Amino acid sequence: IDGIDIIDLNCGCPVPKVVSHGSGSSLLLNLPLMSDIIKTIKDSGADFIAVHGRTRASKFKAKVGYCATKEI
């Protein structure tokens, strides 16, 4: 679509009001749905994936897991 450069599908947000609606990090519990959403946004898959180094459970308080991020 003209004028749209990127679409950010945030699959890492731990905020309860986001997760309770099936969005944010709750998408990580349903990988087929997340895949379908990505395919809908971009027919052949994603061009770029950003990985956050914290888990939903650690919220914003834990240190970033650089080793796990590197492995991904």
PDB file of N, CA and C in Angstrom:
ATOM      1  N   ILE A   1       0.857  -1.182   0.000  1.00  0.00           N
ATOM      2  CA  ILE A   1       0.000   0.000   0.000  1.00  0.00           C
ATOM      3  C   ILE A   1       0.892   1.230   0.000  1.00  0.00           C
ATOM      4  N   ASP A   2       0.564   2.185  -0.817  1.00  0.00           N
ATOM      5  CA  ASP A   2       1.354   3.407  -0.906  1.00  0.00           C
ATOM      6  C   ASP A   2       1.406   4.128   0.442  1.00  0.00           C
ATOM      7  N   GLY A   3       2.602   4.575   0.810  1.00  0.00           N
ATOM      8  CA  GLY A   3       2.774   5.361   2.025  1.00  0.00           C
ATOM      9  C   GLY A   3       3.075   4.535   3.262  1.00  0.00           C
ATOM     10  N   ILE A   4       3.027   3.198   3.166  1.00  0.00           N
ATOM     11  CA  ILE A   4       3.343   2.348   4.312  1.00  0.00           C
ATOM     12  C   ILE A   4       4.717   1.731   4.069  1.00  0.00           C
ATOM     13  N   ASP A   5       5.656   2.023   4.975  1.00  0.00           N
ATOM     14  CA  ASP A   5       7.009   1.497   4.838  1.00  0.00           C
ATOM     15  C   ASP A   5       7.215   0.203   5.614  1.00  0.00           C
ATOM     16  N   ILE A   6       6.622   0.115   6.819  1.00  0.00           N
ATOM     17  CA  ILE A   6       6.786  -1.079   7.634  1.00  0.00           C
ATOM     18  C   ILE A   6       5.507  -1.380   8.394  1.00  0.00           C
ATOM     19  N   ILE A   7       5.361  -2.617   8.772  1.00  0.00           N
ATOM     20  CA  ILE A   7       4.316  -3.034   9.704  1.00  0.00           C
ATOM     21  C   ILE A   7       5.034  -3.756  10.829  1.00  0.00           C
ATOM     22  N   ASP A   8       4.831  -3.317  12.057  1.00  0.00           N
ATOM     23  CA  ASP A   8       5.496  -3.899  13.224  1.00  0.00           C
ATOM     24  C   ASP A   8       4.515  -4.803  13.944  1.00  0.00           C
ATOM     25  N   LEU A   9       4.706  -6.106  13.830  1.00  0.00           N
ATOM     26  CA  LEU A   9       3.895  -7.080  14.555  1.00  0.00           C
ATOM     27  C   LEU A   9       4.635  -7.376  15.852  1.00  0.00           C
ATOM     28  N   ASN A  10       4.201  -6.788  16.936  1.00  0.00           N
ATOM     29  CA  ASN A  10       4.883  -6.910  18.220  1.00  0.00           C
ATOM     30  C   ASN A  10       4.426  -8.180  18.930  1.00  0.00           C
ATOM     31  N   CYS A  11       5.298  -9.165  18.973  1.00  0.00           N
ATOM     32  CA  CYS A  11       5.001 -10.446  19.623  1.00  0.00           C
ATOM     33  C   CYS A  11       5.745 -10.567  20.943  1.00  0.00           C
ATOM     34  N   GLY A  12       6.080  -9.447  21.531  1.00  0.00           N
ATOM     35  CA  GLY A  12       6.848  -9.480  22.766  1.00  0.00           C
ATOM     36  C   GLY A  12       6.254  -8.690  23.900  1.00  0.00           C
ATOM     37  N   CYS A  13       5.202  -7.947  23.664  1.00  0.00           N
ATOM     38  CA  CYS A  13       4.631  -7.093  24.704  1.00  0.00           C
ATOM     39  C   CYS A  13       4.041  -7.940  25.840  1.00  0.00           C
ATOM     40  N   PRO A  14       4.501  -7.728  27.092  1.00  0.00           N
ATOM     41  CA  PRO A  14       4.009  -8.514  28.216  1.00  0.00           C
ATOM     42  C   PRO A  14       2.854  -7.871  28.979  1.00  0.00           C
ATOM     43  N   VAL A  15       2.405  -6.709  28.552  1.00  0.00           N
ATOM     44  CA  VAL A  15       1.383  -5.965  29.293  1.00  0.00           C
ATOM     45  C   VAL A  15       0.084  -6.779  29.339  1.00  0.00           C
ATOM     46  N   PRO A  16      -0.445  -7.027  30.541  1.00  0.00           N
ATOM     47  CA  PRO A  16      -1.631  -7.887  30.687  1.00  0.00           C
ATOM     48  C   PRO A  16      -2.817  -7.510  29.802  1.00  0.00           C
ATOM     49  N   LYS A  17      -3.099  -6.219  29.645  1.00  0.00           N
ATOM     50  CA  LYS A  17      -4.261  -5.839  28.836  1.00  0.00           C
ATOM     51  C   LYS A  17      -4.051  -6.152  27.352  1.00  0.00           C
ATOM     52  N   VAL A  18      -2.806  -6.280  26.915  1.00  0.00           N
ATOM     53  CA  VAL A  18      -2.501  -6.669  25.539  1.00  0.00           C
ATOM     54  C   VAL A  18      -2.552  -8.194  25.413  1.00  0.00           C
ATOM     55  N   VAL A  19      -1.895  -8.880  26.354  1.00  0.00           N
ATOM     56  CA  VAL A  19      -1.824 -10.345  26.337  1.00  0.00           C
ATOM     57  C   VAL A  19      -3.205 -10.979  26.492  1.00  0.00           C
ATOM     58  N   SER A  20      -4.059 -10.380  27.300  1.00  0.00           N
ATOM     59  CA  SER A  20      -5.382 -10.967  27.553  1.00  0.00           C
ATOM     60  C   SER A  20      -6.278 -10.981  26.310  1.00  0.00           C
ATOM     61  N   HIS A  21      -5.906 -10.213  25.291  1.00  0.00           N
ATOM     62  CA  HIS A  21      -6.676 -10.184  24.042  1.00  0.00           C
ATOM     63  C   HIS A  21      -6.047 -11.052  22.964  1.00  0.00           C
ATOM     64  N   GLY A  22      -5.018 -11.841  23.352  1.00  0.00           N
ATOM     65  CA  GLY A  22      -4.366 -12.713  22.384  1.00  0.00           C
ATOM     66  C   GLY A  22      -3.297 -12.026  21.564  1.00  0.00           C
ATOM     67  N   SER A  23      -2.900 -10.839  21.982  1.00  0.00           N
ATOM     68  CA  SER A  23      -1.875 -10.085  21.257  1.00  0.00           C
ATOM     69  C   SER A  23      -0.563 -10.122  22.028  1.00  0.00           C
ATOM     70  N   GLY A  24       0.426  -9.385  21.517  1.00  0.00           N
ATOM     71  CA  GLY A  24       1.705  -9.288  22.207  1.00  0.00           C
ATOM     72  C   GLY A  24       2.353 -10.645  22.385  1.00  0.00           C
ATOM     73  N   SER A  25       2.933 -10.866  23.560  1.00  0.00           N
ATOM     74  CA  SER A  25       3.686 -12.101  23.793  1.00  0.00           C
ATOM     75  C   SER A  25       2.813 -13.348  23.818  1.00  0.00           C
ATOM     76  N   SER A  26       1.507 -13.203  23.931  1.00  0.00           N
ATOM     77  CA  SER A  26       0.650 -14.396  23.888  1.00  0.00           C
ATOM     78  C   SER A  26       0.686 -15.054  22.505  1.00  0.00           C
ATOM     79  N   LEU A  27       1.085 -14.311  21.472  1.00  0.00           N
ATOM     80  CA  LEU A  27       1.216 -14.899  20.140  1.00  0.00           C
ATOM     81  C   LEU A  27       2.306 -15.967  20.105  1.00  0.00           C
ATOM     82  N   LEU A  28       3.267 -15.898  21.023  1.00  0.00           N
ATOM     83  CA  LEU A  28       4.324 -16.904  21.069  1.00  0.00           C
ATOM     84  C   LEU A  28       3.800 -18.257  21.528  1.00  0.00           C
ATOM     85  N   LEU A  29       2.613 -18.275  22.111  1.00  0.00           N
ATOM     86  CA  LEU A  29       1.990 -19.526  22.531  1.00  0.00           C
ATOM     87  C   LEU A  29       1.183 -20.167  21.406  1.00  0.00           C
ATOM     88  N   ASN A  30       1.016 -19.435  20.318  1.00  0.00           N
ATOM     89  CA  ASN A  30       0.250 -19.935  19.180  1.00  0.00           C
ATOM     90  C   ASN A  30       1.020 -19.616  17.895  1.00  0.00           C
ATOM     91  N   LEU A  31       2.091 -20.372  17.659  1.00  0.00           N
ATOM     92  CA  LEU A  31       2.955 -20.093  16.512  1.00  0.00           C
ATOM     93  C   LEU A  31       2.245 -20.245  15.167  1.00  0.00           C
ATOM     94  N   PRO A  32       1.312 -21.208  15.010  1.00  0.00           N
ATOM     95  CA  PRO A  32       0.582 -21.258  13.728  1.00  0.00           C
ATOM     96  C   PRO A  32      -0.206 -19.971  13.454  1.00  0.00           C
ATOM     97  N   LEU A  33      -0.828 -19.405  14.489  1.00  0.00           N
ATOM     98  CA  LEU A  33      -1.550 -18.141  14.305  1.00  0.00           C
ATOM     99  C   LEU A  33      -0.584 -17.013  13.961  1.00  0.00           C
ATOM    100  N   MET A  34       0.544 -16.956  14.680  1.00  0.00           N
ATOM    101  CA  MET A  34       1.526 -15.916  14.391  1.00  0.00           C
ATOM    102  C   MET A  34       2.025 -16.044  12.955  1.00  0.00           C
ATOM    103  N   SER A  35       2.255 -17.268  12.505  1.00  0.00           N
ATOM    104  CA  SER A  35       2.689 -17.502  11.128  1.00  0.00           C
ATOM    105  C   SER A  35       1.632 -17.046  10.136  1.00  0.00           C
ATOM    106  N   ASP A  36       0.373 -17.349  10.410  1.00  0.00           N
ATOM    107  CA  ASP A  36      -0.716 -16.915   9.531  1.00  0.00           C
ATOM    108  C   ASP A  36      -0.789 -15.395   9.447  1.00  0.00           C
ATOM    109  N   ILE A  37      -0.594 -14.726  10.585  1.00  0.00           N
ATOM    110  CA  ILE A  37      -0.622 -13.262  10.593  1.00  0.00           C
ATOM    111  C   ILE A  37       0.510 -12.716   9.741  1.00  0.00           C
ATOM    112  N   ILE A  38       1.722 -13.281   9.899  1.00  0.00           N
ATOM    113  CA  ILE A  38       2.870 -12.826   9.109  1.00  0.00           C
ATOM    114  C   ILE A  38       2.616 -13.051   7.626  1.00  0.00           C
ATOM    115  N   LYS A  39       2.077 -14.208   7.274  1.00  0.00           N
ATOM    116  CA  LYS A  39       1.790 -14.494   5.865  1.00  0.00           C
ATOM    117  C   LYS A  39       0.724 -13.553   5.315  1.00  0.00           C
ATOM    118  N   THR A  40      -0.217 -13.156   6.155  1.00  0.00           N
ATOM    119  CA  THR A  40      -1.248 -12.211   5.725  1.00  0.00           C
ATOM    120  C   THR A  40      -0.649 -10.830   5.485  1.00  0.00           C
ATOM    121  N   ILE A  41       0.247 -10.428   6.378  1.00  0.00           N
ATOM    122  CA  ILE A  41       0.889  -9.114   6.244  1.00  0.00           C
ATOM    123  C   ILE A  41       1.804  -9.096   5.024  1.00  0.00           C
ATOM    124  N   LYS A  42       2.580 -10.138   4.839  1.00  0.00           N
ATOM    125  CA  LYS A  42       3.540 -10.228   3.740  1.00  0.00           C
ATOM    126  C   LYS A  42       3.448 -11.637   3.178  1.00  0.00           C
ATOM    127  N   ASP A  43       2.914 -11.785   1.969  1.00  0.00           N
ATOM    128  CA  ASP A  43       2.547 -13.102   1.417  1.00  0.00           C
ATOM    129  C   ASP A  43       3.604 -14.187   1.587  1.00  0.00           C
ATOM    130  N   SER A  44       4.881 -13.852   1.409  1.00  0.00           N
ATOM    131  CA  SER A  44       5.887 -14.914   1.453  1.00  0.00           C
ATOM    132  C   SER A  44       6.705 -14.910   2.743  1.00  0.00           C
ATOM    133  N   GLY A  45       6.264 -14.215   3.770  1.00  0.00           N
ATOM    134  CA  GLY A  45       6.979 -14.203   5.043  1.00  0.00           C
ATOM    135  C   GLY A  45       7.562 -12.849   5.393  1.00  0.00           C
ATOM    136  N   ALA A  46       8.274 -12.807   6.478  1.00  0.00           N
ATOM    137  CA  ALA A  46       8.817 -11.549   6.981  1.00  0.00           C
ATOM    138  C   ALA A  46      10.156 -11.225   6.331  1.00  0.00           C
ATOM    139  N   ASP A  47      10.464  -9.937   6.221  1.00  0.00           N
ATOM    140  CA  ASP A  47      11.760  -9.484   5.730  1.00  0.00           C
ATOM    141  C   ASP A  47      12.744  -9.289   6.880  1.00  0.00           C
ATOM    142  N   PHE A  48      12.230  -9.046   8.074  1.00  0.00           N
ATOM    143  CA  PHE A  48      13.086  -8.695   9.205  1.00  0.00           C
ATOM    144  C   PHE A  48      12.413  -9.148  10.492  1.00  0.00           C
ATOM    145  N   ILE A  49      13.176  -9.706  11.395  1.00  0.00           N
ATOM    146  CA  ILE A  49      12.657 -10.099  12.702  1.00  0.00           C
ATOM    147  C   ILE A  49      13.552  -9.503  13.774  1.00  0.00           C
ATOM    148  N   ALA A  50      12.971  -8.827  14.741  1.00  0.00           N
ATOM    149  CA  ALA A  50      13.707  -8.292  15.890  1.00  0.00           C
ATOM    150  C   ALA A  50      13.429  -9.188  17.086  1.00  0.00           C
ATOM    151  N   VAL A  51      14.470  -9.517  17.826  1.00  0.00           N
ATOM    152  CA  VAL A  51      14.341 -10.377  18.986  1.00  0.00           C
ATOM    153  C   VAL A  51      14.624  -9.563  20.239  1.00  0.00           C
ATOM    154  N   HIS A  52      13.701  -9.623  21.191  1.00  0.00           N
ATOM    155  CA  HIS A  52      13.889  -8.946  22.474  1.00  0.00           C
ATOM    156  C   HIS A  52      14.515  -9.950  23.434  1.00  0.00           C
ATOM    157  N   GLY A  53      15.453  -9.517  24.203  1.00  0.00           N
ATOM    158  CA  GLY A  53      16.205 -10.419  25.059  1.00  0.00           C
ATOM    159  C   GLY A  53      15.611 -10.680  26.427  1.00  0.00           C
ATOM    160  N   ARG A  54      14.337 -10.404  26.609  1.00  0.00           N
ATOM    161  CA  ARG A  54      13.675 -10.677  27.884  1.00  0.00           C
ATOM    162  C   ARG A  54      12.451 -11.540  27.642  1.00  0.00           C
ATOM    163  N   THR A  55      12.074 -12.296  28.652  1.00  0.00           N
ATOM    164  CA  THR A  55      10.865 -13.103  28.542  1.00  0.00           C
ATOM    165  C   THR A  55       9.671 -12.297  29.033  1.00  0.00           C
ATOM    166  N   ARG A  56       8.498 -12.780  28.710  1.00  0.00           N
ATOM    167  CA  ARG A  56       7.284 -12.122  29.195  1.00  0.00           C
ATOM    168  C   ARG A  56       7.246 -12.135  30.710  1.00  0.00           C
ATOM    169  N   ALA A  57       7.646 -13.245  31.316  1.00  0.00           N
ATOM    170  CA  ALA A  57       7.600 -13.379  32.773  1.00  0.00           C
ATOM    171  C   ALA A  57       8.531 -12.391  33.464  1.00  0.00           C
ATOM    172  N   SER A  58       9.659 -12.091  32.836  1.00  0.00           N
ATOM    173  CA  SER A  58      10.605 -11.161  33.469  1.00  0.00           C
ATOM    174  C   SER A  58      10.224  -9.708  33.267  1.00  0.00           C
ATOM    175  N   LYS A  59       9.262  -9.495  32.379  1.00  0.00           N
ATOM    176  CA  LYS A  59       8.793  -8.154  32.047  1.00  0.00           C
ATOM    177  C   LYS A  59       9.971  -7.261  31.702  1.00  0.00           C
ATOM    178  N   PHE A  60      10.047  -6.100  32.306  1.00  0.00           N
ATOM    179  CA  PHE A  60      11.110  -5.151  31.974  1.00  0.00           C
ATOM    180  C   PHE A  60      12.174  -5.099  33.058  1.00  0.00           C
ATOM    181  N   LYS A  61      12.123  -6.014  34.018  1.00  0.00           N
ATOM    182  CA  LYS A  61      13.014  -5.951  35.170  1.00  0.00           C
ATOM    183  C   LYS A  61      14.278  -6.784  35.026  1.00  0.00           C
ATOM    184  N   ALA A  62      14.224  -7.871  34.292  1.00  0.00           N
ATOM    185  CA  ALA A  62      15.370  -8.770  34.172  1.00  0.00           C
ATOM    186  C   ALA A  62      16.427  -8.195  33.232  1.00  0.00           C
ATOM    187  N   LYS A  63      17.636  -8.717  33.382  1.00  0.00           N
ATOM    188  CA  LYS A  63      18.702  -8.350  32.456  1.00  0.00           C
ATOM    189  C   LYS A  63      18.410  -8.988  31.100  1.00  0.00           C
ATOM    190  N   VAL A  64      18.904  -8.366  30.065  1.00  0.00           N
ATOM    191  CA  VAL A  64      18.717  -8.888  28.715  1.00  0.00           C
ATOM    192  C   VAL A  64      19.527 -10.174  28.566  1.00  0.00           C
ATOM    193  N   GLY A  65      18.908 -11.196  27.970  1.00  0.00           N
ATOM    194  CA  GLY A  65      19.584 -12.469  27.743  1.00  0.00           C
ATOM    195  C   GLY A  65      20.335 -12.467  26.436  1.00  0.00           C
ATOM    196  N   TYR A  66      21.543 -11.913  26.451  1.00  0.00           N
ATOM    197  CA  TYR A  66      22.300 -11.781  25.208  1.00  0.00           C
ATOM    198  C   TYR A  66      22.689 -13.131  24.613  1.00  0.00           C
ATOM    199  N   CYS A  67      22.977 -14.126  25.434  1.00  0.00           N
ATOM    200  CA  CYS A  67      23.352 -15.453  24.913  1.00  0.00           C
ATOM    201  C   CYS A  67      22.184 -16.087  24.159  1.00  0.00           C
ATOM    202  N   ALA A  68      20.977 -16.018  24.748  1.00  0.00           N
ATOM    203  CA  ALA A  68      19.804 -16.583  24.085  1.00  0.00           C
ATOM    204  C   ALA A  68      19.482 -15.816  22.813  1.00  0.00           C
ATOM    205  N   THR A  69      19.620 -14.505  22.850  1.00  0.00           N
ATOM    206  CA  THR A  69      19.348 -13.678  21.676  1.00  0.00           C
ATOM    207  C   THR A  69      20.319 -14.033  20.559  1.00  0.00           C
ATOM    208  N   LYS A  70      21.592 -14.228  20.913  1.00  0.00           N
ATOM    209  CA  LYS A  70      22.596 -14.586  19.903  1.00  0.00           C
ATOM    210  C   LYS A  70      22.275 -15.947  19.286  1.00  0.00           C
ATOM    211  N   GLU A  71      21.829 -16.894  20.119  1.00  0.00           N
ATOM    212  CA  GLU A  71      21.488 -18.229  19.634  1.00  0.00           C
ATOM    213  C   GLU A  71      20.325 -18.191  18.642  1.00  0.00           C
ATOM    214  N   ILE A  72      19.344 -17.359  18.922  1.00  0.00           N
ATOM    215  CA  ILE A  72      18.183 -17.216  18.036  1.00  0.00           C
ATOM    216  C   ILE A  72      18.619 -16.652  16.713  1.00  0.00           C
TER     217      ILE A  72
END
